[in-house]
């Protein structure tokens, strides 16, 4: 399912290079699915948090992740990253 970012301007579409950087960070940090323990994720869009939440850093984003394990009971999760970690 594709989300129309014109209707949801708070979401940032990620190009392939940014998605790859997120995947690399997940591997380096030992990221895994809390529900099934899987380590492979589809990287989705990013939500800018810095403006929405006062206690977040100005460059904070929440990047959507979907566990690729087809038997995962809760495949949707996310990772909080700074802009320079994946966008710049």
Foldseek 3Di string as FASTA:
>chain_A
DDDDCVVVVQKAFDDPQLQVLVLVVLVVVVNADPQPRASDWRKGIKGQCLVVDVVDDNQKIWIWIAGPPPPGPDGIDTDIDGCVSRPD
